[in-house]
C-alpha atoms as a PDB file:
ATOM      1  CA  MET A   1      91.936  -8.436 -10.103  1.00  0.00           C
ATOM      2  CA  PHE A   2      93.005 -10.685 -12.977  1.00  0.00           C
ATOM      3  CA  GLU A   3      89.409 -11.839 -13.464  1.00  0.00           C
ATOM      4  CA  GLN A   4      88.234  -8.224 -13.679  1.00  0.00           C
ATOM      5  CA  MET A   5      90.862  -7.420 -16.294  1.00  0.00           C
ATOM      6  CA  LYS A   6      89.912 -10.566 -18.219  1.00  0.00           C
ATOM      7  CA  ALA A   7      86.237  -9.549 -18.147  1.00  0.00           C
ATOM      8  CA  MET A   8      87.072  -6.002 -19.240  1.00  0.00           C
ATOM      9  CA  GLY A   9      89.111  -7.399 -22.150  1.00  0.00           C
ATOM     10  CA  ALA A  10      86.186  -9.555 -23.193  1.00  0.00           C
ATOM     11  CA  ILE A  11      83.869  -6.541 -22.995  1.00  0.00           C
ATOM     12  CA  ALA A  12      86.257  -4.503 -25.131  1.00  0.00           C
ATOM     13  CA  GLY A  13      86.257  -7.315 -27.686  1.00  0.00           C
ATOM     14  CA  LEU A  14      82.474  -7.385 -27.713  1.00  0.00           C
ATOM     15  CA  LEU A  15      82.264  -3.663 -28.295  1.00  0.00           C
ATOM     16  CA  LYS A  16      83.846  -4.347 -31.657  1.00  0.00           C
ATOM     17  CA  ASN A  17      80.950  -6.706 -32.430  1.00  0.00           C
ATOM     18  CA  ARG A  18      77.799  -4.741 -31.740  1.00  0.00           C
ATOM     19  CA  GLU A  19      75.669  -7.314 -33.536  1.00  0.00           C
ATOM     20  CA  LYS A  20      76.381  -9.899 -30.819  1.00  0.00           C
ATOM     21  CA  ILE A  21      75.541  -7.380 -28.105  1.00  0.00           C
ATOM     22  CA  THR A  22      72.309  -6.389 -29.834  1.00  0.00           C
ATOM     23  CA  GLU A  23      71.306 -10.036 -30.242  1.00  0.00           C
ATOM     24  CA  ALA A  24      72.106 -10.795 -26.587  1.00  0.00           C
ATOM     25  CA  ALA A  25      70.120  -7.771 -25.413  1.00  0.00           C
ATOM     26  CA  ALA A  26      67.155  -8.863 -27.535  1.00  0.00           C
ATOM     27  CA  ARG A  27      67.316 -12.370 -26.027  1.00  0.00           C
ATOM     28  CA  VAL A  28      67.372 -10.932 -22.485  1.00  0.00           C
ATOM     29  CA  LYS A  29      64.386  -8.680 -23.218  1.00  0.00           C
ATOM     30  CA  ARG A  30      62.444 -11.495 -24.874  1.00  0.00           C
ATOM     31  CA  THR A  31      63.117 -13.814 -21.924  1.00  0.00           C
ATOM     32  CA  LEU A  32      61.993 -11.200 -19.420  1.00  0.00           C
ATOM     33  CA  ASP A  33      58.920 -10.168 -21.427  1.00  0.00           C
ATOM     34  CA  GLU A  34      57.744 -13.778 -21.565  1.00  0.00           C
ATOM     35  CA  ARG A  35      57.718 -14.182 -17.793  1.00  0.00           C
ATOM     36  CA  PRO A  36      56.395 -11.273 -15.738  1.00  0.00           C
ATOM     37  CA  VAL A  37      57.111 -11.468 -12.008  1.00  0.00           C
ATOM     38  CA  VAL A  38      54.390 -11.645  -9.356  1.00  0.00           C
ATOM     39  CA  GLY A  39      54.928 -10.538  -5.770  1.00  0.00           C
ATOM     40  CA  GLU A  40      52.436 -11.100  -3.016  1.00  0.00           C
ATOM     41  CA  ALA A  41      51.640 -10.151   0.544  1.00  0.00           C
ATOM     42  CA  GLY A  42      49.120 -11.172   3.171  1.00  0.00           C
ATOM     43  CA  ALA A  43      49.193 -14.853   2.166  1.00  0.00           C
ATOM     44  CA  GLY A  44      48.069 -13.933  -1.349  1.00  0.00           C
ATOM     45  CA  ALA A  45      45.492 -11.300  -0.345  1.00  0.00           C
ATOM     46  CA  VAL A  46      47.358  -8.811  -2.551  1.00  0.00           C
ATOM     47  CA  ARG A  47      49.298  -9.719  -5.676  1.00  0.00           C
ATOM     48  CA  VAL A  48      51.295  -7.333  -7.850  1.00  0.00           C
ATOM     49  CA  THR A  49      52.659  -8.166 -11.301  1.00  0.00           C
ATOM     50  CA  VAL A  50      55.771  -6.398 -12.626  1.00  0.00           C
ATOM     51  CA  GLY A  51      56.985  -6.478 -16.230  1.00  0.00           C
ATOM     52  CA  SER A  52      60.506  -6.423 -17.619  1.00  0.00           C
ATOM     53  CA  ASP A  53      60.431  -2.618 -17.600  1.00  0.00           C
ATOM     54  CA  MET A  54      60.174  -2.724 -13.769  1.00  0.00           C
ATOM     55  CA  ARG A  55      56.661  -1.255 -13.863  1.00  0.00           C
ATOM     56  CA  VAL A  56      53.625  -2.635 -12.115  1.00  0.00           C
ATOM     57  CA  THR A  57      51.270  -4.032 -14.757  1.00  0.00           C
ATOM     58  CA  ARG A  58      48.574  -5.471 -12.515  1.00  0.00           C
ATOM     59  CA  VAL A  59      47.347  -5.301  -8.905  1.00  0.00           C
ATOM     60  CA  GLU A  60      44.958  -7.948  -7.586  1.00  0.00           C
ATOM     61  CA  ILE A  61      43.223  -7.618  -4.213  1.00  0.00           C
ATOM     62  CA  ALA A  62      41.239 -10.558  -2.869  1.00  0.00           C
ATOM     63  CA  PRO A  63      37.593  -9.566  -2.272  1.00  0.00           C
ATOM     64  CA  ALA A  64      37.872 -10.506   1.386  1.00  0.00           C
ATOM     65  CA  ALA A  65      40.688  -7.973   1.773  1.00  0.00           C
ATOM     66  CA  VAL A  66      38.453  -5.002   0.941  1.00  0.00           C
ATOM     67  CA  ALA A  67      35.040  -6.115   2.216  1.00  0.00           C
ATOM     68  CA  GLY A  68      33.733  -3.642   4.812  1.00  0.00           C
ATOM     69  CA  LEU A  69      36.949  -1.670   5.122  1.00  0.00           C
ATOM     70  CA  SER A  70      37.399   0.743   7.980  1.00  0.00           C
ATOM     71  CA  GLY A  71      40.050   3.476   8.116  1.00  0.00           C
ATOM     72  CA  GLY A  72      42.648   1.237   9.737  1.00  0.00           C
ATOM     73  CA  ALA A  73      41.945  -1.604   7.364  1.00  0.00           C
ATOM     74  CA  VAL A  74      42.484   0.651   4.364  1.00  0.00           C
ATOM     75  CA  ARG A  75      45.954   1.472   5.664  1.00  0.00           C
ATOM     76  CA  GLN A  76      46.690  -2.223   6.088  1.00  0.00           C
ATOM     77  CA  VAL A  77      45.665  -2.911   2.483  1.00  0.00           C
ATOM     78  CA  GLU A  78      47.866  -0.052   1.298  1.00  0.00           C
ATOM     79  CA  ASP A  79      50.771  -1.486   3.253  1.00  0.00           C
ATOM     80  CA  LEU A  80      50.145  -4.905   1.720  1.00  0.00           C
ATOM     81  CA  ILE A  81      50.147  -3.407  -1.767  1.00  0.00           C
ATOM     82  CA  ALA A  82      53.469  -1.674  -1.068  1.00  0.00           C
ATOM     83  CA  GLU A  83      54.935  -4.888   0.335  1.00  0.00           C
ATOM     84  CA  ALA A  84      53.730  -6.938  -2.633  1.00  0.00           C
ATOM     85  CA  THR A  85      55.075  -4.362  -5.090  1.00  0.00           C
ATOM     86  CA  ASN A  86      58.485  -4.327  -3.443  1.00  0.00           C
ATOM     87  CA  ASP A  87      58.521  -8.130  -3.439  1.00  0.00           C
ATOM     88  CA  ALA A  88      57.722  -8.232  -7.164  1.00  0.00           C
ATOM     89  CA  LEU A  89      60.394  -5.648  -7.980  1.00  0.00           C
ATOM     90  CA  LYS A  90      63.015  -7.543  -5.976  1.00  0.00           C
ATOM     91  CA  ARG A  91      62.150 -10.761  -7.802  1.00  0.00           C
ATOM     92  CA  ALA A  92      62.184  -8.990 -11.174  1.00  0.00           C
ATOM     93  CA  GLN A  93      65.629  -7.535 -10.463  1.00  0.00           C
ATOM     94  CA  GLN A  94      66.904 -11.018  -9.598  1.00  0.00           C
ATOM     95  CA  ARG A  95      65.492 -12.368 -12.863  1.00  0.00           C
ATOM     96  CA  VAL A  96      67.245  -9.580 -14.807  1.00  0.00           C
ATOM     97  CA  LYS A  97      70.523 -10.437 -13.096  1.00  0.00           C
ATOM     98  CA  GLU A  98      70.116 -14.128 -13.935  1.00  0.00           C
ATOM     99  CA  ALA A  99      69.310 -13.373 -17.585  1.00  0.00           C
ATOM    100  CA  ILE A 100      72.332 -11.074 -17.908  1.00  0.00           C
ATOM    101  CA  ASP A 101      74.551 -13.679 -16.256  1.00  0.00           C
ATOM    102  CA  ARG A 102      73.353 -16.355 -18.731  1.00  0.00           C
ATOM    103  CA  GLU A 103      73.992 -14.147 -21.746  1.00  0.00           C
ATOM    104  CA  ALA A 104      77.353 -12.946 -20.406  1.00  0.00           C
ATOM    105  CA  LYS A 105      78.446 -16.550 -19.879  1.00  0.00           C
ATOM    106  CA  ASP A 106      77.464 -17.417 -23.458  1.00  0.00           C
ATOM    107  CA  LEU A 107      79.494 -14.422 -24.654  1.00  0.00           C
ATOM    108  CA  GLY A 108      82.527 -15.404 -22.565  1.00  0.00           C
ATOM    109  CA  ILE A 109      82.286 -12.566 -20.046  1.00  0.00           C
ATOM    110  CA  GLU A 110      81.105 -14.343 -16.914  1.00  0.00           C
ATOM    111  CA  GLY A 111      80.586 -12.158 -13.873  1.00  0.00           C
ATOM    112  CA  LEU A 112      79.266  -9.195 -15.863  1.00  0.00           C
ATOM    113  CA  SER A 113      76.450  -8.553 -13.399  1.00  0.00           C
ATOM    114  CA  ASP A 114      79.026  -8.441 -10.592  1.00  0.00           C
ATOM    115  CA  GLN A 115      80.951  -5.815 -12.582  1.00  0.00           C
ATOM    116  CA  LEU A 116      77.770  -3.755 -12.917  1.00  0.00           C
ATOM    117  CA  GLY A 117      77.619  -3.545  -9.145  1.00  0.00           C
ATOM    118  CA  GLY A 118      74.573  -1.819  -7.704  1.00  0.00           C
ATOM    119  CA  LEU A 119      72.876  -1.335 -11.060  1.00  0.00           C
ATOM    120  CA  LEU A 120      71.120  -4.688 -10.678  1.00  0.00           C
ATOM    121  CA  SER A 121      70.157  -4.528  -7.034  1.00  0.00           C
END
């Protein structure tokens, strides 16, 4: 409880200094933009890349995965794409949490991502 109140006090202090918040947000975005996240499924048969905006930017399907597809195989490839996409999004969300935690620590408000609850998961 005390830690939450301490964090809220630090947040209130930061609200008075919007420049620091803007700079921290820019650093988080820059960090995330520099390193897109790749998820994969089927031992690399399908790879999906997700950017910092949590949008898929690229889908790669190994040629062997689509050669001579039948109806059932198409469904398997679709499932692999969904699995790879979900994997990439999960990893991207974790990276966002880590970046926010780093910036919050530098600003003296450790545990900020915990305070945001389900927004980062």
